[in-house]
N, C-alpha and C. Protein backbone atom coordinates (compact mmCIF):
# COMPACT_ATOMS: atom_id res chain seq x y z
N MET A 1 6.38 -14.99 59.58
CA MET A 1 5.74 -13.75 58.56
C MET A 1 7.05 -13.48 57.78
N ARG A 2 8.28 -13.38 58.59
CA ARG A 2 9.55 -12.45 57.57
C ARG A 2 9.89 -13.53 56.45
N LYS A 3 10.10 -14.38 57.13
CA LYS A 3 10.63 -15.06 55.92
C LYS A 3 9.71 -15.84 54.66
N PHE A 4 8.31 -15.41 54.71
CA PHE A 4 7.11 -15.25 53.63
C PHE A 4 7.64 -14.05 52.65
N SER A 5 7.93 -12.87 53.70
CA SER A 5 8.33 -11.24 52.89
C SER A 5 9.76 -11.62 52.21
N VAL A 6 10.59 -12.32 52.60
CA VAL A 6 11.55 -12.44 51.96
C VAL A 6 11.57 -13.08 50.73
N CYS A 7 10.76 -14.18 50.82
CA CYS A 7 10.42 -15.30 49.69
C CYS A 7 9.46 -14.36 48.61
N PHE A 8 8.94 -13.54 48.67
CA PHE A 8 7.71 -12.60 48.35
C PHE A 8 9.18 -11.48 47.33
N SER A 9 9.89 -11.06 48.01
CA SER A 9 10.72 -10.25 48.01
C SER A 9 11.23 -10.59 46.77
N ILE A 10 11.65 -11.88 46.64
CA ILE A 10 12.77 -12.28 45.73
C ILE A 10 11.97 -12.51 44.23
N MET A 11 10.80 -13.19 44.38
CA MET A 11 10.00 -13.76 43.63
C MET A 11 9.49 -12.08 42.76
N PHE A 12 9.25 -11.57 43.26
CA PHE A 12 8.73 -9.96 42.62
C PHE A 12 10.26 -9.54 42.21
N PHE A 13 11.27 -9.62 42.53
CA PHE A 13 12.35 -8.93 41.92
C PHE A 13 12.83 -10.33 40.90
N TYR A 14 12.17 -11.19 40.63
CA TYR A 14 12.46 -12.23 39.43
C TYR A 14 11.83 -11.44 38.08
N CYS A 15 10.34 -11.32 39.00
CA CYS A 15 9.32 -11.28 37.84
C CYS A 15 9.39 -9.82 36.91
N VAL A 16 9.87 -8.89 37.70
CA VAL A 16 10.42 -7.52 37.08
C VAL A 16 11.71 -7.25 36.00
N SER A 17 12.60 -8.26 36.62
CA SER A 17 13.60 -8.88 35.67
C SER A 17 13.76 -9.44 34.54
N ASP A 18 12.45 -10.19 34.65
CA ASP A 18 12.07 -11.09 32.93
C ASP A 18 11.15 -10.14 32.23
N THR A 19 10.97 -9.44 32.75
CA THR A 19 9.94 -8.45 31.97
C THR A 19 10.89 -7.40 30.86
N ALA A 20 10.47 -7.88 29.70
CA ALA A 20 11.60 -7.01 28.61
C ALA A 20 10.80 -5.87 28.34
N LEU A 21 11.66 -4.86 28.42
CA LEU A 21 11.26 -3.20 28.14
C LEU A 21 11.66 -3.20 26.26
N ASP A 22 9.94 -2.27 26.12
CA ASP A 22 9.99 -2.31 24.81
C ASP A 22 10.63 -1.25 24.29
N PRO A 23 11.43 -1.40 22.57
CA PRO A 23 12.56 -0.35 22.52
C PRO A 23 12.14 1.23 22.20
N GLU A 24 12.55 1.84 22.47
CA GLU A 24 11.81 3.10 21.94
C GLU A 24 12.44 3.72 20.63
N SER A 25 12.00 4.53 19.94
CA SER A 25 12.07 5.35 18.85
C SER A 25 13.28 6.04 18.81
N VAL A 26 14.11 6.20 17.88
CA VAL A 26 15.26 6.90 17.37
C VAL A 26 14.76 8.43 17.13
N SER A 27 15.47 9.38 17.26
CA SER A 27 15.32 10.77 16.54
C SER A 27 16.20 11.01 15.39
N LEU A 28 16.06 11.01 13.97
CA LEU A 28 16.84 11.28 12.80
C LEU A 28 17.37 12.34 12.72
N ILE A 29 18.58 12.35 12.61
CA ILE A 29 19.78 13.95 12.24
C ILE A 29 20.01 14.13 10.84
N SER A 30 20.58 13.10 10.08
CA SER A 30 20.87 13.51 8.79
C SER A 30 20.47 12.01 7.81
N PRO A 31 20.41 12.46 6.66
CA PRO A 31 20.28 13.43 5.95
C PRO A 31 19.04 14.21 6.78
N LYS A 32 19.10 15.87 6.02
CA LYS A 32 17.70 16.65 7.03
C LYS A 32 16.34 16.47 5.99
N ASN A 33 15.52 16.35 6.69
CA ASN A 33 14.12 16.36 6.12
C ASN A 33 13.84 17.75 5.27
N LEU A 34 13.43 17.16 3.62
CA LEU A 34 12.70 18.22 2.90
C LEU A 34 14.19 18.77 2.37
N GLU A 35 15.69 18.45 2.70
CA GLU A 35 16.57 19.12 2.06
C GLU A 35 16.92 18.18 1.21
N SER A 36 18.32 19.16 0.25
CA SER A 36 19.42 17.87 -0.67
C SER A 36 20.36 17.75 0.08
N CYS A 37 20.52 16.75 -0.45
CA CYS A 37 21.82 15.60 0.17
C CYS A 37 22.61 16.46 -0.75
N THR A 38 24.13 16.96 -0.53
CA THR A 38 24.82 17.56 -1.21
C THR A 38 26.39 17.23 -1.00
N ASN A 39 26.47 16.51 0.48
CA ASN A 39 27.52 16.20 0.77
C ASN A 39 28.08 14.66 0.77
N ALA A 40 27.00 14.04 -0.06
CA ALA A 40 27.42 12.28 -0.27
C ALA A 40 28.72 12.37 -0.85
N VAL A 41 29.41 11.09 -0.96
CA VAL A 41 30.05 10.53 -1.33
C VAL A 41 29.76 10.35 -2.65
N ARG A 42 30.47 10.47 -3.93
CA ARG A 42 30.70 10.36 -5.04
C ARG A 42 30.99 8.88 -5.65
N ILE A 43 30.47 8.25 -6.16
CA ILE A 43 31.05 6.53 -6.53
C ILE A 43 31.51 6.74 -8.03
N ASN A 44 30.23 7.21 -8.86
CA ASN A 44 30.54 7.32 -10.28
C ASN A 44 29.04 8.41 -10.46
N ASP A 45 29.00 8.27 -12.16
CA ASP A 45 28.29 9.85 -12.68
C ASP A 45 26.65 9.51 -12.21
N ALA A 46 26.59 8.18 -11.79
CA ALA A 46 25.12 7.71 -11.46
C ALA A 46 24.54 7.74 -9.87
N TYR A 47 26.11 7.12 -9.03
CA TYR A 47 25.78 6.81 -8.04
C TYR A 47 26.54 7.64 -6.81
N ARG A 48 25.81 7.92 -5.25
CA ARG A 48 26.98 8.65 -4.25
C ARG A 48 26.46 7.15 -2.99
N GLN A 49 27.47 7.45 -1.91
CA GLN A 49 27.28 6.94 -1.12
C GLN A 49 26.80 7.84 -0.12
N VAL A 50 26.00 8.01 0.78
CA VAL A 50 24.98 8.49 1.54
C VAL A 50 25.12 7.81 3.20
N ARG A 51 25.37 8.40 3.85
CA ARG A 51 25.29 8.25 5.54
C ARG A 51 24.50 8.73 6.08
N PHE A 52 23.91 8.05 6.54
CA PHE A 52 22.57 8.22 7.64
C PHE A 52 22.75 8.34 9.09
N GLU A 53 22.38 9.09 9.76
CA GLU A 53 22.24 9.34 11.37
C GLU A 53 21.44 9.23 12.16
N TRP A 54 21.74 8.75 13.31
CA TRP A 54 20.13 9.27 14.35
C TRP A 54 20.95 9.33 15.19
N THR A 55 20.05 9.39 16.41
CA THR A 55 20.38 9.41 17.84
C THR A 55 20.06 8.02 18.66
N LYS A 56 20.67 7.71 19.81
CA LYS A 56 20.54 6.01 20.70
C LYS A 56 19.28 6.20 21.02
N ALA A 57 18.75 5.32 21.32
CA ALA A 57 17.27 4.78 21.98
C ALA A 57 17.45 3.86 22.75
N LEU A 58 16.77 4.18 23.88
CA LEU A 58 16.90 3.17 25.07
C LEU A 58 15.94 1.82 24.34
N ASN A 59 16.94 0.57 25.42
CA ASN A 59 16.14 -0.69 25.11
C ASN A 59 16.15 -1.60 23.96
N VAL A 60 17.61 -1.01 22.96
CA VAL A 60 17.57 -0.95 21.60
C VAL A 60 18.86 -1.96 21.20
N ASP A 61 18.67 -3.24 20.54
CA ASP A 61 20.11 -3.99 20.19
C ASP A 61 20.44 -3.93 18.85
N GLN A 62 19.51 -3.38 18.20
CA GLN A 62 20.17 -3.05 16.60
C GLN A 62 19.07 -2.07 16.35
N TYR A 63 19.44 -1.67 14.84
CA TYR A 63 18.64 -0.42 14.34
C TYR A 63 18.40 -0.87 13.07
N GLU A 64 17.14 -1.12 12.63
CA GLU A 64 17.00 -1.32 10.94
C GLU A 64 16.78 0.00 10.20
N LEU A 65 17.95 0.38 9.25
CA LEU A 65 17.60 1.51 8.64
C LEU A 65 16.72 1.33 7.17
N VAL A 66 15.30 2.03 6.81
CA VAL A 66 14.70 1.77 5.21
C VAL A 66 14.85 3.17 4.60
N VAL A 67 15.64 2.96 3.66
CA VAL A 67 15.22 3.85 2.60
C VAL A 67 14.70 3.45 1.51
N GLU A 68 13.84 4.07 1.16
CA GLU A 68 13.72 3.88 -0.30
C GLU A 68 13.75 4.81 -1.48
N ASN A 69 13.30 4.85 -2.73
CA ASN A 69 13.55 5.84 -3.85
C ASN A 69 11.90 6.16 -3.66
N SER A 70 11.72 7.45 -3.83
CA SER A 70 10.09 7.60 -4.10
C SER A 70 9.61 7.69 -5.70
N ILE A 71 10.60 7.33 -6.70
CA ILE A 71 9.85 7.65 -7.55
C ILE A 71 10.02 6.01 -7.81
N THR A 72 11.12 5.06 -8.27
CA THR A 72 10.97 3.70 -8.62
C THR A 72 10.62 2.43 -7.53
N LYS A 73 10.21 3.39 -5.92
CA LYS A 73 9.84 2.91 -4.80
C LYS A 73 11.01 1.34 -4.81
N GLU A 74 12.04 1.66 -5.31
CA GLU A 74 12.85 0.36 -4.79
C GLU A 74 13.53 0.47 -3.07
N LYS A 75 13.44 -0.49 -2.41
CA LYS A 75 13.59 0.05 -1.09
C LYS A 75 15.17 -0.41 -0.59
N PHE A 76 15.81 -0.37 0.19
CA PHE A 76 17.39 -0.44 1.09
C PHE A 76 17.43 -0.39 2.30
N ILE A 77 17.60 -1.82 2.95
CA ILE A 77 17.67 -2.38 4.22
C ILE A 77 18.69 -2.68 4.67
N SER A 78 19.34 -1.52 5.76
CA SER A 78 20.89 -2.09 6.57
C SER A 78 20.71 -2.42 7.73
N ASN A 79 20.82 -3.46 8.29
CA ASN A 79 20.84 -3.30 10.39
C ASN A 79 22.37 -3.06 10.92
N THR A 80 22.42 -2.85 11.49
CA THR A 80 23.46 -2.56 12.79
C THR A 80 23.29 -1.73 14.06
N PRO A 81 24.16 -2.51 15.22
CA PRO A 81 24.21 -1.94 16.06
C PRO A 81 24.77 -0.48 16.64
N LEU A 82 25.33 0.15 15.31
CA LEU A 82 25.72 1.54 15.58
C LEU A 82 24.52 2.78 15.19
N LEU A 83 24.82 4.09 15.48
CA LEU A 83 23.77 4.77 15.17
C LEU A 83 23.70 5.37 13.81
N ASN A 84 24.75 4.41 13.05
CA ASN A 84 24.77 5.16 11.59
C ASN A 84 24.99 4.11 10.72
N SER A 85 24.89 4.03 9.21
CA SER A 85 24.92 2.98 8.37
C SER A 85 24.96 4.52 7.08
N SER A 86 25.29 3.46 6.15
CA SER A 86 25.83 4.26 4.58
C SER A 86 25.30 3.23 3.71
N LEU A 87 24.85 3.98 2.50
CA LEU A 87 24.50 3.08 1.88
C LEU A 87 24.84 3.85 -0.02
N VAL A 88 24.81 2.76 -0.98
CA VAL A 88 24.93 3.39 -2.43
C VAL A 88 23.77 3.77 -3.04
N ILE A 89 23.72 4.71 -3.18
CA ILE A 89 21.81 4.59 -3.98
C ILE A 89 22.18 5.32 -5.37
N LEU A 90 21.53 6.13 -6.10
CA LEU A 90 21.09 6.36 -7.06
C LEU A 90 20.77 7.55 -7.10
N ALA A 91 21.56 8.31 -7.59
CA ALA A 91 21.45 10.00 -7.31
C ALA A 91 19.94 11.10 -8.18
N GLY A 92 19.85 11.68 -7.94
CA GLY A 92 19.20 12.96 -9.08
C GLY A 92 17.58 12.43 -8.74
N ALA A 93 17.37 11.78 -7.41
CA ALA A 93 15.92 11.07 -7.19
C ALA A 93 15.53 11.42 -5.53
N PRO A 94 14.46 12.12 -5.06
CA PRO A 94 13.80 12.12 -3.74
C PRO A 94 13.67 11.16 -3.11
N TYR A 95 14.59 10.62 -2.23
CA TYR A 95 13.75 9.27 -1.30
C TYR A 95 13.71 9.71 0.30
N SER A 96 12.78 8.58 0.69
CA SER A 96 12.03 8.47 2.00
C SER A 96 13.01 7.45 2.86
N TRP A 97 13.05 7.88 4.16
CA TRP A 97 13.95 7.07 5.26
C TRP A 97 13.63 6.82 6.55
N PHE A 98 13.51 6.28 7.10
CA PHE A 98 12.97 5.95 8.68
C PHE A 98 14.17 4.73 9.24
N VAL A 99 14.20 5.07 10.38
CA VAL A 99 15.17 3.77 11.33
C VAL A 99 14.07 3.09 12.37
N ARG A 100 13.94 1.59 12.41
CA ARG A 100 13.36 0.74 13.10
C ARG A 100 13.89 0.16 13.83
N SER A 101 13.81 0.31 15.54
CA SER A 101 14.18 0.70 16.90
C SER A 101 13.88 -1.33 16.68
N LYS A 102 15.28 -2.26 17.51
CA LYS A 102 14.61 -3.88 18.02
C LYS A 102 15.29 -4.19 18.63
N SER A 103 14.64 -4.65 19.54
CA SER A 103 15.38 -5.99 20.65
C SER A 103 15.55 -7.32 20.79
N ASP A 104 16.49 -7.88 21.75
CA ASP A 104 16.71 -9.18 21.46
C ASP A 104 15.78 -9.81 22.27
N PHE A 105 15.41 -8.89 23.04
CA PHE A 105 14.21 -9.72 24.08
C PHE A 105 12.76 -9.31 23.54
N THR A 106 12.26 -8.50 22.62
CA THR A 106 10.87 -8.56 22.73
C THR A 106 10.52 -8.28 21.30
N SER A 107 9.42 -8.78 20.72
CA SER A 107 9.20 -8.57 19.10
C SER A 107 8.52 -7.57 18.91
N VAL A 108 8.30 -6.31 20.12
CA VAL A 108 7.78 -5.23 19.48
C VAL A 108 8.89 -4.12 19.21
N THR A 109 9.07 -3.79 18.16
CA THR A 109 9.65 -2.65 17.21
C THR A 109 8.71 -1.19 17.60
N LYS A 110 9.64 -0.43 17.26
CA LYS A 110 9.11 1.16 17.41
C LYS A 110 10.11 1.82 16.05
N ASN A 111 9.25 2.38 15.55
CA ASN A 111 9.57 3.19 14.17
C ASN A 111 9.73 4.71 14.74
N SER A 112 10.77 5.39 13.81
CA SER A 112 11.06 7.06 13.64
C SER A 112 10.09 6.97 12.77
N GLU A 113 10.59 8.59 12.36
CA GLU A 113 9.67 9.75 12.11
C GLU A 113 9.77 9.07 10.75
N ILE A 114 9.10 9.78 9.75
CA ILE A 114 9.53 9.26 8.30
C ILE A 114 10.34 10.49 7.54
N TRP A 115 11.49 10.97 7.13
CA TRP A 115 11.99 11.97 6.62
C TRP A 115 12.35 11.88 5.15
N GLN A 116 12.35 12.77 4.23
CA GLN A 116 12.25 12.50 2.86
C GLN A 116 13.65 13.85 2.58
N PHE A 117 14.72 13.64 1.81
CA PHE A 117 15.50 14.10 1.49
C PHE A 117 15.65 14.09 -0.59
N TYR A 118 16.85 14.80 -1.13
CA TYR A 118 16.70 14.88 -2.21
C TYR A 118 17.84 14.62 -2.46
N LEU A 119 18.76 13.65 -2.97
CA LEU A 119 20.04 13.00 -3.19
C LEU A 119 20.41 13.81 -4.56
N GLU A 120 21.23 14.79 -4.48
CA GLU A 120 21.66 15.68 -5.73
C GLU A 120 22.72 14.67 -6.79
N ARG A 121 22.56 14.92 -7.67
CA ARG A 121 23.50 14.88 -8.73
C ARG A 121 23.94 15.61 -10.00
N ILE A 122 23.33 16.64 -10.23
CA ILE A 122 23.84 17.87 -10.65
C ILE A 122 23.83 19.10 -9.52
N PRO A 123 24.26 19.86 -9.15
CA PRO A 123 23.61 20.82 -8.16
C PRO A 123 22.52 22.18 -9.29
N THR A 124 22.88 22.06 -10.13
CA THR A 124 22.16 22.90 -11.11
C THR A 124 20.71 22.21 -11.38
N GLU A 125 20.65 20.96 -11.28
CA GLU A 125 19.46 20.14 -11.93
C GLU A 125 18.22 20.97 -11.33
N SER A 126 16.74 20.32 -12.27
CA SER A 126 15.76 21.14 -12.03
C SER A 126 15.29 19.69 -10.77
N HIS A 127 14.78 20.20 -9.55
CA HIS A 127 14.80 18.88 -8.79
C HIS A 127 13.29 18.13 -8.98
N ILE A 128 13.02 16.72 -8.79
CA ILE A 128 11.74 16.40 -9.16
C ILE A 128 11.42 16.38 -7.81
N PRO A 129 9.67 16.82 -7.40
CA PRO A 129 8.96 17.23 -6.61
C PRO A 129 8.98 15.90 -5.43
N PHE A 130 9.18 16.47 -3.73
CA PHE A 130 9.26 15.38 -3.04
C PHE A 130 7.34 14.68 -3.24
N PRO A 131 7.51 13.44 -3.04
CA PRO A 131 5.81 12.69 -2.69
C PRO A 131 4.92 13.51 -1.85
N ALA A 132 3.79 13.76 -1.98
CA ALA A 132 2.57 14.76 -1.59
C ALA A 132 2.68 13.74 -0.21
N SER A 133 2.53 14.53 0.94
CA SER A 133 2.48 13.94 2.41
C SER A 133 0.62 14.03 2.43
N LEU A 134 -0.39 13.03 2.51
CA LEU A 134 -1.55 12.61 2.69
C LEU A 134 -1.72 13.52 4.32
N LEU A 135 -2.77 14.66 4.55
CA LEU A 135 -3.05 14.96 5.69
C LEU A 135 -4.76 14.43 6.44
N PHE A 136 -5.46 14.34 5.33
CA PHE A 136 -6.60 13.75 5.71
C PHE A 136 -7.51 13.23 4.18
N PRO A 137 -8.33 12.19 4.57
CA PRO A 137 -8.25 11.17 5.67
C PRO A 137 -6.79 10.21 5.67
N LEU A 138 -6.81 10.10 6.89
CA LEU A 138 -5.35 9.66 7.23
C LEU A 138 -5.21 7.98 6.83
N ASN A 139 -4.40 7.23 7.10
CA ASN A 139 -4.67 5.79 6.30
C ASN A 139 -5.44 4.70 7.57
N ASN A 140 -5.86 4.25 6.82
CA ASN A 140 -6.73 2.76 7.56
C ASN A 140 -7.49 3.44 8.94
N THR A 141 -8.21 4.80 8.79
CA THR A 141 -9.20 5.17 9.21
C THR A 141 -10.21 5.68 9.03
N SER A 142 -11.39 6.16 9.66
CA SER A 142 -12.99 5.89 9.50
C SER A 142 -13.16 7.24 9.55
N VAL A 143 -14.01 8.13 8.62
CA VAL A 143 -14.38 9.51 8.45
C VAL A 143 -15.91 9.20 8.12
N SER A 144 -16.79 10.78 8.35
CA SER A 144 -18.31 11.33 8.50
C SER A 144 -18.04 11.76 6.94
N LEU A 145 -18.99 11.95 6.30
CA LEU A 145 -19.59 12.54 5.26
C LEU A 145 -19.93 13.83 6.25
N THR A 146 -19.97 15.05 5.02
CA THR A 146 -20.53 16.13 5.23
C THR A 146 -22.18 15.67 4.74
N ASN A 147 -23.02 17.32 5.21
CA ASN A 147 -24.76 17.08 4.90
C ASN A 147 -24.69 16.75 3.30
N GLU A 148 -23.70 17.59 2.41
CA GLU A 148 -23.91 17.11 1.19
C GLU A 148 -23.09 15.73 0.88
N ASN A 149 -22.76 15.05 1.40
CA ASN A 149 -22.20 13.84 1.23
C ASN A 149 -20.31 13.75 0.45
N GLN A 150 -19.75 14.86 1.31
CA GLN A 150 -18.27 15.23 0.74
C GLN A 150 -17.44 14.95 1.71
N ILE A 151 -16.26 14.71 1.07
CA ILE A 151 -15.38 14.82 2.12
C ILE A 151 -13.98 15.41 1.73
N LEU A 152 -13.14 16.66 2.51
CA LEU A 152 -12.20 17.52 2.11
C LEU A 152 -11.28 17.12 2.57
N PHE A 153 -10.44 16.39 1.33
CA PHE A 153 -9.19 15.42 1.06
C PHE A 153 -8.15 16.77 1.55
N ARG A 154 -7.07 16.32 2.30
CA ARG A 154 -6.04 17.46 2.33
C ARG A 154 -4.70 16.83 2.57
N TRP A 155 -3.41 17.47 1.99
CA TRP A 155 -2.20 17.03 1.93
C TRP A 155 -1.41 18.64 1.83
N LYS A 156 -0.11 18.00 1.58
CA LYS A 156 0.98 18.84 1.65
C LYS A 156 2.10 18.47 0.51
N GLY A 157 2.41 19.29 -0.02
CA GLY A 157 3.63 19.08 -1.17
C GLY A 157 4.71 19.65 -0.73
N ALA A 158 5.83 19.45 -1.31
CA ALA A 158 7.09 20.11 -1.07
C ALA A 158 7.80 19.73 -2.42
N ASP A 159 8.85 21.03 -2.61
CA ASP A 159 9.51 20.89 -3.90
C ASP A 159 10.86 22.11 -3.40
N LEU A 160 12.35 21.54 -3.77
CA LEU A 160 13.25 22.05 -3.74
C LEU A 160 13.30 23.39 -4.48
N ASP A 161 12.94 23.14 -5.60
CA ASP A 161 12.98 24.53 -6.30
C ASP A 161 11.87 25.34 -6.34
N ASN A 162 10.61 24.86 -5.02
CA ASN A 162 9.71 25.66 -4.92
C ASN A 162 8.94 26.48 -6.44
N ASP A 163 8.80 24.86 -7.01
CA ASP A 163 7.85 25.56 -8.44
C ASP A 163 7.03 24.42 -8.84
N ILE A 164 6.30 23.91 -7.66
CA ILE A 164 5.23 23.18 -7.74
C ILE A 164 3.93 23.76 -8.66
N GLU A 165 3.63 22.95 -9.78
CA GLU A 165 2.27 23.63 -10.70
C GLU A 165 1.44 22.81 -10.02
N LEU A 166 0.82 22.48 -9.97
CA LEU A 166 -0.63 21.60 -9.81
C LEU A 166 -0.22 20.09 -9.38
N TYR A 167 -1.54 19.47 -9.08
CA TYR A 167 -1.69 18.44 -8.05
C TYR A 167 -2.59 17.52 -9.12
N ASP A 168 -3.36 16.73 -9.22
CA ASP A 168 -3.81 15.31 -9.78
C ASP A 168 -4.15 14.35 -8.73
N PHE A 169 -5.87 14.12 -8.89
CA PHE A 169 -6.26 13.31 -7.55
C PHE A 169 -6.76 12.38 -8.01
N TYR A 170 -6.76 11.25 -7.26
CA TYR A 170 -6.87 9.67 -7.45
C TYR A 170 -8.07 8.96 -6.65
N ILE A 171 -8.38 8.41 -6.83
CA ILE A 171 -9.37 7.46 -5.61
C ILE A 171 -10.22 6.62 -6.32
N GLY A 172 -10.24 5.36 -6.00
CA GLY A 172 -10.98 4.44 -6.35
C GLY A 172 -11.40 3.49 -5.27
N VAL A 173 -12.13 2.21 -5.68
CA VAL A 173 -12.69 1.28 -4.35
C VAL A 173 -11.48 0.15 -4.75
N GLN A 174 -10.76 0.22 -5.33
CA GLN A 174 -10.15 -0.87 -5.37
C GLN A 174 -8.06 -0.19 -5.51
N GLU A 175 -7.08 -0.76 -4.64
CA GLU A 175 -5.98 -0.29 -4.85
C GLU A 175 -5.39 0.04 -6.00
N GLU A 176 -5.43 -1.19 -6.93
CA GLU A 176 -4.46 -1.56 -8.05
C GLU A 176 -5.95 -0.30 -8.81
N ASN A 177 -6.20 -0.17 -9.06
CA ASN A 177 -7.21 0.65 -9.88
C ASN A 177 -8.28 2.26 -9.52
N LEU A 178 -6.97 3.22 -9.54
CA LEU A 178 -7.41 4.34 -9.32
C LEU A 178 -7.68 4.89 -10.19
N ASN A 179 -8.67 6.02 -10.03
CA ASN A 179 -9.26 6.80 -11.30
C ASN A 179 -9.01 8.52 -11.24
N LEU A 180 -8.29 8.73 -12.06
CA LEU A 180 -7.93 10.40 -12.05
C LEU A 180 -9.66 10.89 -11.73
N GLU A 181 -9.95 11.57 -10.48
CA GLU A 181 -10.70 12.31 -10.11
C GLU A 181 -10.81 14.00 -10.29
N LYS A 182 -10.27 14.37 -10.19
CA LYS A 182 -9.76 15.91 -10.29
C LYS A 182 -8.38 16.23 -11.20
N GLU A 183 -7.82 17.21 -11.96
CA GLU A 183 -6.93 17.23 -12.38
C GLU A 183 -6.35 19.10 -12.17
N ASP A 184 -5.21 19.24 -11.91
CA ASP A 184 -5.24 20.28 -12.39
C ASP A 184 -5.16 21.68 -11.43
N ILE A 185 -5.14 20.61 -10.19
CA ILE A 185 -5.47 21.28 -8.86
C ILE A 185 -4.20 22.11 -8.02
N SER A 186 -4.94 23.21 -8.05
CA SER A 186 -3.59 24.53 -7.62
C SER A 186 -3.44 24.58 -6.24
N THR A 187 -4.32 23.97 -5.50
CA THR A 187 -4.12 24.13 -4.12
C THR A 187 -3.98 22.70 -3.73
N SER A 188 -3.77 22.75 -2.37
CA SER A 188 -3.48 21.23 -1.99
C SER A 188 -4.76 21.03 -0.69
N GLN A 189 -5.71 21.16 -1.44
CA GLN A 189 -6.97 20.05 -0.96
C GLN A 189 -8.29 20.23 -1.91
N VAL A 190 -9.36 19.33 -2.12
CA VAL A 190 -10.72 19.08 -3.07
C VAL A 190 -11.31 18.62 -1.74
N SER A 191 -12.67 19.00 -2.41
CA SER A 191 -13.58 17.98 -1.74
C SER A 191 -14.32 17.26 -2.84
N ILE A 192 -15.06 16.11 -2.20
CA ILE A 192 -15.27 14.91 -3.36
C ILE A 192 -16.64 14.42 -2.63
N GLU A 193 -17.24 14.18 -3.78
CA GLU A 193 -19.00 13.76 -3.07
C GLU A 193 -18.55 11.80 -3.29
N LEU A 194 -18.71 11.57 -1.94
CA LEU A 194 -18.87 9.90 -1.90
C LEU A 194 -20.01 8.98 -1.28
N ASP A 195 -19.55 7.71 -1.18
CA ASP A 195 -21.00 6.80 -0.83
C ASP A 195 -20.32 6.82 0.53
N SER A 196 -21.39 6.19 1.21
CA SER A 196 -21.40 5.97 2.74
C SER A 196 -20.87 4.49 2.77
N ASN A 197 -20.53 4.28 4.04
CA ASN A 197 -20.37 2.94 4.17
C ASN A 197 -19.82 2.41 3.37
N SER A 198 -18.59 3.21 2.33
CA SER A 198 -17.56 2.26 1.64
C SER A 198 -16.36 2.47 1.91
N THR A 199 -15.29 1.45 1.15
CA THR A 199 -14.07 1.87 1.72
C THR A 199 -13.28 2.44 0.13
N TYR A 200 -12.46 3.21 0.36
CA TYR A 200 -12.05 3.80 -1.02
C TYR A 200 -10.18 4.03 -0.51
N PHE A 201 -9.82 4.60 -1.62
CA PHE A 201 -8.10 4.56 -1.80
C PHE A 201 -8.00 5.48 -2.99
N TRP A 202 -6.97 6.46 -2.24
CA TRP A 202 -6.88 7.87 -2.70
C TRP A 202 -5.17 8.25 -3.03
N GLN A 203 -4.66 8.70 -3.88
CA GLN A 203 -3.25 9.23 -3.95
C GLN A 203 -3.44 10.95 -4.58
N ILE A 204 -2.43 11.27 -4.35
CA ILE A 204 -2.28 12.67 -5.24
C ILE A 204 -0.33 12.57 -6.15
N LYS A 205 -0.75 13.18 -7.40
CA LYS A 205 0.10 13.37 -8.05
C LYS A 205 0.77 14.63 -7.59
N THR A 206 1.87 15.37 -7.93
CA THR A 206 2.62 16.57 -7.62
C THR A 206 3.15 16.55 -9.00
N THR A 207 3.24 17.67 -9.71
CA THR A 207 3.74 18.17 -10.71
C THR A 207 4.47 19.78 -10.80
N ASP A 208 5.70 19.81 -10.90
CA ASP A 208 6.44 20.79 -11.26
C ASP A 208 6.16 21.52 -12.43
N LYS A 209 6.85 23.01 -12.50
CA LYS A 209 6.46 23.64 -14.03
C LYS A 209 7.63 22.91 -15.08
N SER A 210 8.81 22.82 -14.15
CA SER A 210 9.72 21.60 -15.66
C SER A 210 8.81 20.60 -16.36
N ASN A 211 7.89 20.04 -15.58
CA ASN A 211 7.00 18.56 -15.53
C ASN A 211 7.78 17.38 -14.81
N ASN A 212 8.34 17.46 -13.95
CA ASN A 212 9.00 16.59 -13.21
C ASN A 212 7.74 16.26 -12.17
N SER A 213 7.38 14.79 -11.76
CA SER A 213 6.11 14.57 -11.15
C SER A 213 6.52 13.56 -10.32
N SER A 214 5.53 13.85 -9.17
CA SER A 214 5.82 12.20 -8.23
C SER A 214 4.47 11.61 -7.95
N TYR A 215 4.60 10.94 -7.11
CA TYR A 215 2.94 10.45 -6.36
C TYR A 215 3.27 9.91 -5.13
N SER A 216 2.08 10.06 -4.27
CA SER A 216 2.55 9.64 -2.99
C SER A 216 1.84 8.76 -2.86
N GLU A 217 1.69 8.23 -1.41
CA GLU A 217 1.36 6.44 -0.99
C GLU A 217 -0.17 6.68 -1.50
N ILE A 218 -0.54 5.43 -1.02
CA ILE A 218 -1.71 5.25 -1.12
C ILE A 218 -2.37 5.22 0.29
N PHE A 219 -3.57 5.99 0.49
CA PHE A 219 -3.94 5.53 2.18
C PHE A 219 -5.16 5.12 1.29
N SER A 220 -5.90 4.35 2.47
CA SER A 220 -7.32 3.74 2.61
C SER A 220 -7.98 4.62 3.75
N PHE A 221 -9.93 4.99 3.61
CA PHE A 221 -10.20 4.81 5.09
C PHE A 221 -11.43 4.46 4.40
N GLU A 222 -12.46 4.23 5.42
CA GLU A 222 -13.64 4.15 4.83
C GLU A 222 -14.80 5.20 5.48
N THR A 223 -15.91 5.18 4.84
CA THR A 223 -16.84 6.21 5.41
C THR A 223 -17.80 6.04 6.08
N GLN A 224 -18.42 6.87 6.99
CA GLN A 224 -19.48 6.22 7.98
C GLN A 224 -20.62 6.54 7.32
């Protein structure tokens, strides 16, 4: 009986050892969320070198930095085992960024939060608004209509100059063919009448007092 117990213990040890632990997500440090990046290294009149930093995460062998220009939608990707990475990117634009944690022992990855920052070119220039964050309905969700067959759409805007003037609301049944449903909205919500049992796509355009503008991501949802 004792021999059986020893064998069982050895088998249990190997089973546990062979189980790969999923990587954990990092916490972002710099550039700060919804702030202006003014300490980047100047390369020339147009470009700056930005240093991205984040915290250490468990069970991670590689960190994948993903940065996107919020206006042009151009993406920059850098892989590193370190807790920082530097990229040369165009100044005078808002960016979003996050870090993906990866392990050599599992295909599972874990993404950090998504932060946004504005990369300064001229400190006194008017800033382009950050793309609005869509709050409801969230992406790939199913929502119920009210008794009047409506949904209250909600989002959050941000601008370093605090001079957001208005929002335009786009919606459609095809992602590549959205219609301007409501324009010159002064608040960050709007109610729209929709059909039940349908799939919709929606997006928000933010415009400031200097006529700078940005577009949010496009989210999809289904109505019940």
